[in-house]
Every structure is written in structure tokens, then in C-alpha cells.
C-alpha atoms as a PDB file:
ATOM      1  CA  MET A   1     143.174  58.988 144.187  1.00  0.00           C
ATOM      2  CA  ALA A   2     142.834  60.055 140.526  1.00  0.00           C
ATOM      3  CA  ASP A   3     139.113  60.415 141.174  1.00  0.00           C
ATOM      4  CA  ASP A   4     139.732  62.534 144.175  1.00  0.00           C
ATOM      5  CA  GLN A   5     142.045  64.801 142.236  1.00  0.00           C
ATOM      6  CA  LEU A   6     139.550  65.021 139.350  1.00  0.00           C
ATOM      7  CA  ASN A   7     136.865  65.912 141.877  1.00  0.00           C
ATOM      8  CA  GLN A   8     138.884  68.467 143.586  1.00  0.00           C
ATOM      9  CA  GLU A   9     139.881  70.057 140.251  1.00  0.00           C
ATOM     10  CA  THR A  10     136.124  70.048 139.277  1.00  0.00           C
ATOM     11  CA  LEU A  11     135.299  71.732 142.564  1.00  0.00           C
ATOM     12  CA  ALA A  12     138.038  74.214 142.190  1.00  0.00           C
ATOM     13  CA  ARG A  13     136.751  75.141 138.747  1.00  0.00           C
ATOM     14  CA  VAL A  14     133.189  75.181 140.040  1.00  0.00           C
ATOM     15  CA  ASP A  15     134.308  77.433 142.955  1.00  0.00           C
ATOM     16  CA  GLU A  16     136.207  79.855 140.463  1.00  0.00           C
ATOM     17  CA  ARG A  17     133.034  79.980 138.297  1.00  0.00           C
ATOM     18  CA  THR A  18     130.871  80.646 141.319  1.00  0.00           C
ATOM     19  CA  LYS A  19     133.033  83.474 142.470  1.00  0.00           C
ATOM     20  CA  SER A  20     133.162  84.934 139.064  1.00  0.00           C
ATOM     21  CA  ILE A  21     129.508  84.707 138.900  1.00  0.00           C
ATOM     22  CA  GLN A  22     129.130  86.552 142.329  1.00  0.00           C
ATOM     23  CA  ASN A  23     131.486  89.199 141.293  1.00  0.00           C
ATOM     24  CA  GLU A  24     129.578  89.854 138.011  1.00  0.00           C
ATOM     25  CA  LEU A  25     126.183  89.651 140.071  1.00  0.00           C
ATOM     26  CA  SER A  26     127.655  92.272 142.546  1.00  0.00           C
ATOM     27  CA  GLN A  27     128.705  94.626 139.690  1.00  0.00           C
ATOM     28  CA  LEU A  28     125.277  94.113 137.909  1.00  0.00           C
ATOM     29  CA  ARG A  29     123.626  94.924 141.387  1.00  0.00           C
ATOM     30  CA  GLY A  30     125.865  98.013 141.616  1.00  0.00           C
ATOM     31  CA  ASP A  31     125.067  99.037 138.107  1.00  0.00           C
ATOM     32  CA  LEU A  32     121.333  98.600 138.631  1.00  0.00           C
ATOM     33  CA  LYS A  33     121.448 100.517 141.877  1.00  0.00           C
ATOM     34  CA  SER A  34     123.045 103.317 140.199  1.00  0.00           C
ATOM     35  CA  SER A  35     120.733 103.120 137.128  1.00  0.00           C
ATOM     36  CA  ALA A  36     117.765 103.235 139.473  1.00  0.00           C
ATOM     37  CA  GLU A  37     119.050 106.210 141.286  1.00  0.00           C
ATOM     38  CA  ASP A  38     119.715 107.898 138.025  1.00  0.00           C
ATOM     39  CA  ILE A  39     116.222 107.172 136.734  1.00  0.00           C
ATOM     40  CA  THR A  40     114.690 108.429 140.140  1.00  0.00           C
ATOM     41  CA  GLU A  41     116.767 111.600 139.818  1.00  0.00           C
ATOM     42  CA  LYS A  42     115.616 112.062 136.233  1.00  0.00           C
ATOM     43  CA  ILE A  43     111.894 111.355 137.258  1.00  0.00           C
ATOM     44  CA  ARG A  44     112.197 114.083 140.147  1.00  0.00           C
ATOM     45  CA  GLU A  45     113.858 116.447 137.639  1.00  0.00           C
ATOM     46  CA  THR A  46     111.077 115.883 135.104  1.00  0.00           C
ATOM     47  CA  GLU A  47     108.379 116.426 137.755  1.00  0.00           C
ATOM     48  CA  ARG A  48     109.995 119.544 138.885  1.00  0.00           C
ATOM     49  CA  ARG A  49     110.035 120.943 135.296  1.00  0.00           C
ATOM     50  CA  THR A  50     106.394 119.834 134.834  1.00  0.00           C
ATOM     51  CA  VAL A  51     105.270 121.514 137.846  1.00  0.00           C
ATOM     52  CA  ILE A  52     107.142 124.758 136.809  1.00  0.00           C
ATOM     53  CA  ARG A  53     105.444 124.639 133.413  1.00  0.00           C
ATOM     54  CA  ILE A  54     102.150 123.930 134.814  1.00  0.00           C
ATOM     55  CA  GLU A  55     102.531 127.072 137.104  1.00  0.00           C
ATOM     56  CA  ASN A  56     103.699 129.292 134.233  1.00  0.00           C
ATOM     57  CA  LEU A  57     100.653 128.134 132.191  1.00  0.00           C
ATOM     58  CA  GLU A  58      98.305 128.880 135.051  1.00  0.00           C
ATOM     59  CA  HIS A  59      99.885 132.153 135.628  1.00  0.00           C
ATOM     60  CA  GLY A  60      99.649 132.860 131.828  1.00  0.00           C
ATOM     61  CA  ALA A  61      95.988 131.802 131.605  1.00  0.00           C
ATOM     62  CA  SER A  62      95.198 134.063 134.690  1.00  0.00           C
ATOM     63  CA  GLU A  63      96.944 136.913 132.909  1.00  0.00           C
ATOM     64  CA  ILE A  64      94.887 136.266 129.722  1.00  0.00           C
ATOM     65  CA  PHE A  65      91.494 136.231 131.651  1.00  0.00           C
ATOM     66  CA  THR A  66      92.394 139.308 133.436  1.00  0.00           C
ATOM     67  CA  ILE A  67      93.230 141.137 130.107  1.00  0.00           C
ATOM     68  CA  LEU A  68      89.999 139.785 128.603  1.00  0.00           C
ATOM     69  CA  ASP A  69      87.894 141.018 131.677  1.00  0.00           C
ATOM     70  CA  ARG A  70      89.686 144.478 131.444  1.00  0.00           C
ATOM     71  CA  GLU A  71      90.040 145.134 127.842  1.00  0.00           C
ATOM     72  CA  TYR A  72      87.028 143.646 125.982  1.00  0.00           C
ATOM     73  CA  VAL A  73      83.312 144.460 126.034  1.00  0.00           C
ATOM     74  CA  LYS A  74      81.026 141.850 127.387  1.00  0.00           C
ATOM     75  CA  LYS A  75      77.929 140.797 125.499  1.00  0.00           C
ATOM     76  CA  ALA A  76      75.724 142.319 128.137  1.00  0.00           C
ATOM     77  CA  GLU A  77      77.644 145.710 127.871  1.00  0.00           C
ATOM     78  CA  PHE A  78      77.307 145.614 124.036  1.00  0.00           C
ATOM     79  CA  GLY A  79      73.503 145.264 123.893  1.00  0.00           C
ATOM     80  CA  PRO A  80      72.522 148.921 124.176  1.00  0.00           C
ATOM     81  CA  ILE A  81      75.351 149.918 121.761  1.00  0.00           C
ATOM     82  CA  LYS A  82      74.125 147.362 119.320  1.00  0.00           C
ATOM     83  CA  ILE A  83      70.530 148.649 119.424  1.00  0.00           C
ATOM     84  CA  VAL A  84      71.717 152.240 118.805  1.00  0.00           C
ATOM     85  CA  VAL A  85      73.905 151.258 115.929  1.00  0.00           C
ATOM     86  CA  TYR A  86      71.255 149.173 114.285  1.00  0.00           C
ATOM     87  CA  GLY A  87      68.715 152.059 114.714  1.00  0.00           C
ATOM     88  CA  PHE A  88      71.116 154.510 112.938  1.00  0.00           C
ATOM     89  CA  VAL A  89      71.795 152.043 110.132  1.00  0.00           C
ATOM     90  CA  GLY A  90      68.039 151.555 109.627  1.00  0.00           C
ATOM     91  CA  LEU A  91      67.476 155.234 109.590  1.00  0.00           C
ATOM     92  CA  LEU A  92      70.252 155.613 107.128  1.00  0.00           C
ATOM     93  CA  LEU A  93      68.991 153.049 104.820  1.00  0.00           C
ATOM     94  CA  THR A  94      65.528 154.642 105.132  1.00  0.00           C
ATOM     95  CA  ALA A  95      66.933 157.850 104.128  1.00  0.00           C
ATOM     96  CA  ILE A  96      68.810 156.442 101.157  1.00  0.00           C
ATOM     97  CA  ILE A  97      65.787 154.579  99.899  1.00  0.00           C
ATOM     98  CA  THR A  98      63.562 157.698 100.362  1.00  0.00           C
ATOM     99  CA  ALA A  99      66.079 159.666  98.426  1.00  0.00           C
ATOM    100  CA  MET A 100      66.122 157.272  95.501  1.00  0.00           C
ATOM    101  CA  ILE A 101      62.258 157.081  95.311  1.00  0.00           C
ATOM    102  CA  THR A 102      62.155 160.949  95.306  1.00  0.00           C
ATOM    103  CA  ALA A 103      64.818 161.046  92.676  1.00  0.00           C
ATOM    104  CA  ALA A 104      62.749 158.563  90.515  1.00  0.00           C
ATOM    105  CA  ILE A 105      59.536 160.616  90.981  1.00  0.00           C
ATOM    106  CA  HIS A 106      61.373 163.822  89.874  1.00  0.00           C
ATOM    107  CA  GLN A 107      62.931 162.136  86.905  1.00  0.00           C
ATOM    108  CA  ASN A 108      59.224 161.274  85.721  1.00  0.00           C
ATOM    109  CA  PRO A 109      58.472 163.170  82.726  1.00  0.00           C
ATOM    110  CA  LEU A 110      54.873 163.745  83.580  1.00  0.00           C
ATOM    111  CA  ASN A 111      55.973 165.827  86.540  1.00  0.00           C
ATOM    112  CA  LYS A 112      57.778 168.470  84.450  1.00  0.00           C
ATOM    113  CA  PRO A 113      55.856 171.695  84.013  1.00  0.00           C
ATOM    114  CA  GLU A 114      56.435 171.830  80.203  1.00  0.00           C
ATOM    115  CA  VAL A 115      55.156 168.393  79.702  1.00  0.00           C
ATOM    116  CA  VAL A 116      52.001 169.085  81.899  1.00  0.00           C
ATOM    117  CA  GLN A 117      51.500 172.406  80.030  1.00  0.00           C
ATOM    118  CA  SER A 118      51.852 170.808  76.752  1.00  0.00           C
ATOM    119  CA  PHE A 119      49.416 168.069  77.698  1.00  0.00           C
ATOM    120  CA  LYS A 120      47.036 170.654  78.756  1.00  0.00           C
ATOM    121  CA  ASN A 121      47.251 172.287  75.567  1.00  0.00           C
ATOM    122  CA  GLU A 122      46.527 169.333  73.771  1.00  0.00           C
ATOM    123  CA  GLN A 123      43.439 168.405  75.816  1.00  0.00           C
ATOM    124  CA  GLN A 124      42.185 172.056  75.238  1.00  0.00           C
ATOM    125  CA  THR A 125      42.508 171.874  71.510  1.00  0.00           C
ATOM    126  CA  LYS A 126      40.580 168.659  71.278  1.00  0.00           C
END
């Protein structure tokens, strides 16, 4: 009898612990379910924001390309202008160098009339 009573008490304790574990497991299951739903909602929100950002970036990039096409000169369009500008720069540099050579020639003392005259006089006196 004592053994039966001991067995019943042990079974009662095991039953209580089992119920307690079942309650805790059901609470954990509910917590996990709500956590999973929260995580799923956060993922959906993150995806939505990411899609909006990507759309904004695509729109911004298309605006930039439109502005580049409209406002800036393309390489093919710049070619003739480049040739004309380089031509003018070359002509200007040629004019400057020619002026410097001309100035150097006019500074030569042999080109002055009085020097030439005095040289001729010296030659004649000899």
C-alpha cells in the first residue's frame, strides 16, 4: 500500500511536471509564432523599402543620363571644334615666334644704318 501511494504521488508529480512543460512549450510555440510573424513583417517592410530605393536610384540615374545627353558635348561633336582651336593656337604661336625672330633681327647692330655707314667708311679708307 505504501508503495502504491508512493507510486501515485510520483505519478502525480510527473503529471504536474508534464503539464507544466506542456504549458511552457505552448507559450514558447506562441512566442515563436509571433516572432516569426514579426520577422516576416520586417522582411516584407525591408523588401518594400529596398524596392523603393532601387526605383529612386533608377529614376535618378535616368535623369543624370538625360542631363548628360542634353547638356554636354559628345566627343564626335567636339572633333571639328578641337581642330579649329588647335589651328588658331598654332597660328598664334607661329605669329609670336615670328615676331620674336623679327625683333631679334632688328636688334642686331649690323642692321642699323649708322653702323653700316661707319663700316663702309672704314672699308673705303683702307
